[in-house]
N, C-alpha and C. Protein backbone atom coordinates (compact mmCIF):
# COMPACT_ATOMS: atom_id res chain seq x y z
N MET A 1 2.79 -24.00 -66.63
CA MET A 1 3.52 -24.21 -67.88
C MET A 1 4.80 -24.97 -67.54
N GLY A 2 4.97 -26.11 -68.18
CA GLY A 2 6.15 -26.92 -67.95
C GLY A 2 7.17 -26.77 -69.07
N MET A 3 8.37 -27.24 -68.79
CA MET A 3 9.46 -27.17 -69.76
C MET A 3 9.08 -27.85 -71.08
N GLU A 4 8.40 -28.97 -70.99
CA GLU A 4 8.05 -29.74 -72.18
C GLU A 4 7.06 -29.01 -73.08
N SER A 5 6.24 -28.16 -72.49
CA SER A 5 5.21 -27.48 -73.28
C SER A 5 5.75 -26.25 -74.01
N LEU A 6 6.97 -25.83 -73.70
CA LEU A 6 7.55 -24.66 -74.37
C LEU A 6 8.07 -25.03 -75.75
N PRO A 7 7.97 -24.12 -76.72
CA PRO A 7 8.54 -24.38 -78.04
C PRO A 7 10.08 -24.32 -77.97
N ASN A 8 10.75 -24.78 -79.01
CA ASN A 8 12.21 -24.78 -79.03
C ASN A 8 12.80 -23.39 -79.11
N ILE A 9 12.09 -22.46 -79.71
CA ILE A 9 12.51 -21.07 -79.80
C ILE A 9 11.51 -20.24 -79.00
N LEU A 10 12.02 -19.51 -78.00
CA LEU A 10 11.16 -18.81 -77.05
C LEU A 10 11.09 -17.31 -77.33
N THR A 11 9.94 -16.74 -77.10
CA THR A 11 9.76 -15.30 -77.14
C THR A 11 9.89 -14.76 -75.72
N ALA A 12 9.96 -13.46 -75.60
CA ALA A 12 9.99 -12.83 -74.28
C ALA A 12 8.73 -13.18 -73.50
N GLN A 13 7.61 -13.29 -74.18
CA GLN A 13 6.35 -13.62 -73.50
C GLN A 13 6.39 -15.03 -72.93
N HIS A 14 6.95 -15.99 -73.67
CA HIS A 14 7.09 -17.35 -73.15
C HIS A 14 7.89 -17.33 -71.85
N ILE A 15 9.02 -16.63 -71.88
CA ILE A 15 9.91 -16.58 -70.72
C ILE A 15 9.23 -15.87 -69.55
N ALA A 16 8.55 -14.76 -69.84
CA ALA A 16 7.84 -14.02 -68.79
C ALA A 16 6.79 -14.91 -68.13
N ASP A 17 6.02 -15.62 -68.93
CA ASP A 17 4.99 -16.51 -68.38
C ASP A 17 5.61 -17.62 -67.55
N TYR A 18 6.70 -18.19 -68.02
CA TYR A 18 7.36 -19.30 -67.33
C TYR A 18 7.92 -18.85 -65.99
N LEU A 19 8.58 -17.68 -65.98
CA LEU A 19 9.23 -17.18 -64.76
C LEU A 19 8.29 -16.38 -63.86
N GLY A 20 7.15 -15.97 -64.40
CA GLY A 20 6.22 -15.16 -63.62
C GLY A 20 6.74 -13.75 -63.40
N ILE A 21 7.42 -13.21 -64.42
CA ILE A 21 7.92 -11.84 -64.37
C ILE A 21 7.36 -11.08 -65.57
N SER A 22 7.61 -9.79 -65.62
CA SER A 22 7.08 -8.99 -66.73
C SER A 22 7.89 -9.21 -68.00
N ARG A 23 7.24 -9.01 -69.12
CA ARG A 23 7.92 -9.10 -70.41
C ARG A 23 9.00 -8.03 -70.51
N ARG A 24 8.74 -6.87 -69.95
CA ARG A 24 9.73 -5.79 -69.94
C ARG A 24 11.00 -6.23 -69.24
N ARG A 25 10.87 -6.91 -68.10
CA ARG A 25 12.05 -7.40 -67.37
C ARG A 25 12.81 -8.42 -68.20
N VAL A 26 12.10 -9.26 -68.93
CA VAL A 26 12.76 -10.24 -69.80
C VAL A 26 13.59 -9.51 -70.85
N TYR A 27 13.03 -8.48 -71.48
CA TYR A 27 13.79 -7.71 -72.46
C TYR A 27 15.02 -7.06 -71.83
N GLU A 28 14.88 -6.60 -70.59
CA GLU A 28 16.04 -6.04 -69.89
C GLU A 28 17.12 -7.10 -69.72
N LEU A 29 16.73 -8.32 -69.33
CA LEU A 29 17.69 -9.41 -69.17
C LEU A 29 18.34 -9.80 -70.50
N MET A 30 17.60 -9.64 -71.59
CA MET A 30 18.16 -9.95 -72.91
C MET A 30 19.20 -8.91 -73.33
N GLN A 31 19.12 -7.70 -72.80
CA GLN A 31 20.05 -6.64 -73.17
C GLN A 31 21.35 -6.70 -72.36
N ILE A 32 21.32 -7.40 -71.23
CA ILE A 32 22.52 -7.53 -70.39
C ILE A 32 23.41 -8.61 -71.00
N SER A 33 24.73 -8.40 -70.95
CA SER A 33 25.66 -9.40 -71.47
C SER A 33 25.53 -10.69 -70.66
N GLU A 34 25.84 -11.80 -71.30
CA GLU A 34 25.77 -13.09 -70.62
C GLU A 34 26.69 -13.12 -69.41
N GLU A 35 27.86 -12.52 -69.54
CA GLU A 35 28.83 -12.49 -68.45
C GLU A 35 28.29 -11.76 -67.22
N ALA A 36 27.40 -10.82 -67.46
CA ALA A 36 26.81 -10.04 -66.37
C ALA A 36 25.49 -10.64 -65.89
N GLY A 37 25.12 -11.82 -66.40
CA GLY A 37 23.91 -12.50 -65.94
C GLY A 37 22.72 -12.41 -66.87
N GLY A 38 22.92 -11.88 -68.07
CA GLY A 38 21.83 -11.76 -69.03
C GLY A 38 21.51 -13.07 -69.73
N ILE A 39 20.38 -13.08 -70.39
CA ILE A 39 19.92 -14.26 -71.14
C ILE A 39 20.48 -14.19 -72.56
N ARG A 40 21.10 -15.27 -73.01
CA ARG A 40 21.59 -15.35 -74.39
C ARG A 40 20.40 -15.33 -75.35
N CYS A 41 20.45 -14.44 -76.32
CA CYS A 41 19.36 -14.34 -77.28
C CYS A 41 19.91 -14.02 -78.66
N PHE A 42 19.04 -14.06 -79.64
CA PHE A 42 19.39 -13.69 -81.01
C PHE A 42 18.24 -12.90 -81.60
N SER A 43 18.55 -12.16 -82.64
CA SER A 43 17.54 -11.30 -83.28
C SER A 43 17.05 -11.91 -84.58
N ILE A 44 15.77 -11.73 -84.82
CA ILE A 44 15.16 -12.01 -86.11
C ILE A 44 14.45 -10.71 -86.46
N GLY A 45 15.09 -9.92 -87.29
CA GLY A 45 14.58 -8.58 -87.55
C GLY A 45 14.66 -7.78 -86.28
N LEU A 46 13.56 -7.21 -85.84
CA LEU A 46 13.53 -6.45 -84.60
C LEU A 46 13.14 -7.30 -83.39
N SER A 47 12.80 -8.55 -83.65
CA SER A 47 12.36 -9.45 -82.58
C SER A 47 13.54 -10.17 -81.94
N LYS A 48 13.45 -10.39 -80.64
CA LYS A 48 14.45 -11.16 -79.90
C LYS A 48 13.87 -12.54 -79.63
N ARG A 49 14.71 -13.54 -79.76
CA ARG A 49 14.32 -14.92 -79.49
C ARG A 49 15.41 -15.60 -78.67
N VAL A 50 15.01 -16.65 -77.94
CA VAL A 50 15.94 -17.39 -77.09
C VAL A 50 15.77 -18.88 -77.39
N ASP A 51 16.90 -19.55 -77.56
CA ASP A 51 16.88 -21.01 -77.72
C ASP A 51 16.48 -21.62 -76.38
N LYS A 52 15.56 -22.56 -76.41
CA LYS A 52 15.04 -23.19 -75.18
C LYS A 52 16.18 -23.78 -74.35
N GLU A 53 17.12 -24.43 -74.99
CA GLU A 53 18.25 -25.03 -74.27
C GLU A 53 19.08 -23.96 -73.57
N ASP A 54 19.34 -22.85 -74.26
CA ASP A 54 20.09 -21.73 -73.65
C ASP A 54 19.34 -21.18 -72.44
N PHE A 55 18.03 -21.07 -72.54
CA PHE A 55 17.23 -20.55 -71.44
C PHE A 55 17.35 -21.43 -70.20
N PHE A 56 17.25 -22.73 -70.37
CA PHE A 56 17.34 -23.61 -69.21
C PHE A 56 18.76 -23.72 -68.68
N GLN A 57 19.76 -23.53 -69.52
CA GLN A 57 21.14 -23.43 -69.03
C GLN A 57 21.30 -22.16 -68.19
N TRP A 58 20.68 -21.07 -68.62
CA TRP A 58 20.72 -19.81 -67.87
C TRP A 58 20.08 -20.00 -66.49
N ILE A 59 18.96 -20.70 -66.44
CA ILE A 59 18.31 -20.96 -65.16
C ILE A 59 19.25 -21.76 -64.25
N GLU A 60 19.87 -22.80 -64.79
CA GLU A 60 20.80 -23.61 -63.99
C GLU A 60 21.96 -22.77 -63.47
N MET A 61 22.48 -21.89 -64.31
CA MET A 61 23.57 -21.01 -63.90
C MET A 61 23.11 -20.13 -62.74
N LYS A 62 21.91 -19.58 -62.84
CA LYS A 62 21.37 -18.73 -61.77
C LYS A 62 21.21 -19.53 -60.48
N LYS A 63 20.77 -20.76 -60.57
CA LYS A 63 20.59 -21.59 -59.39
C LYS A 63 21.93 -21.91 -58.74
N ASN A 64 22.97 -22.03 -59.52
CA ASN A 64 24.29 -22.39 -58.99
C ASN A 64 25.05 -21.21 -58.41
N LEU A 65 24.53 -19.99 -58.55
CA LEU A 65 25.20 -18.81 -58.01
C LEU A 65 24.95 -18.63 -56.52
N LYS A 66 24.09 -19.43 -55.96
CA LYS A 66 23.74 -19.29 -54.54
C LYS A 66 24.95 -19.42 -53.64
């Protein structure tokens, strides 16, 4: 799965598939504050969603922490 094939608004499942981690872990990352390394997300009812651009910025931030 490449960056181009992802929709503009991502679900936890999209992120889990992309990163090769569990959906549960993605939800855990969504609950952590951004300052503490969590993924920026927003709610639609009870569902959590992530803007594709925010997700890839989060990845870049993680890569730069090395």
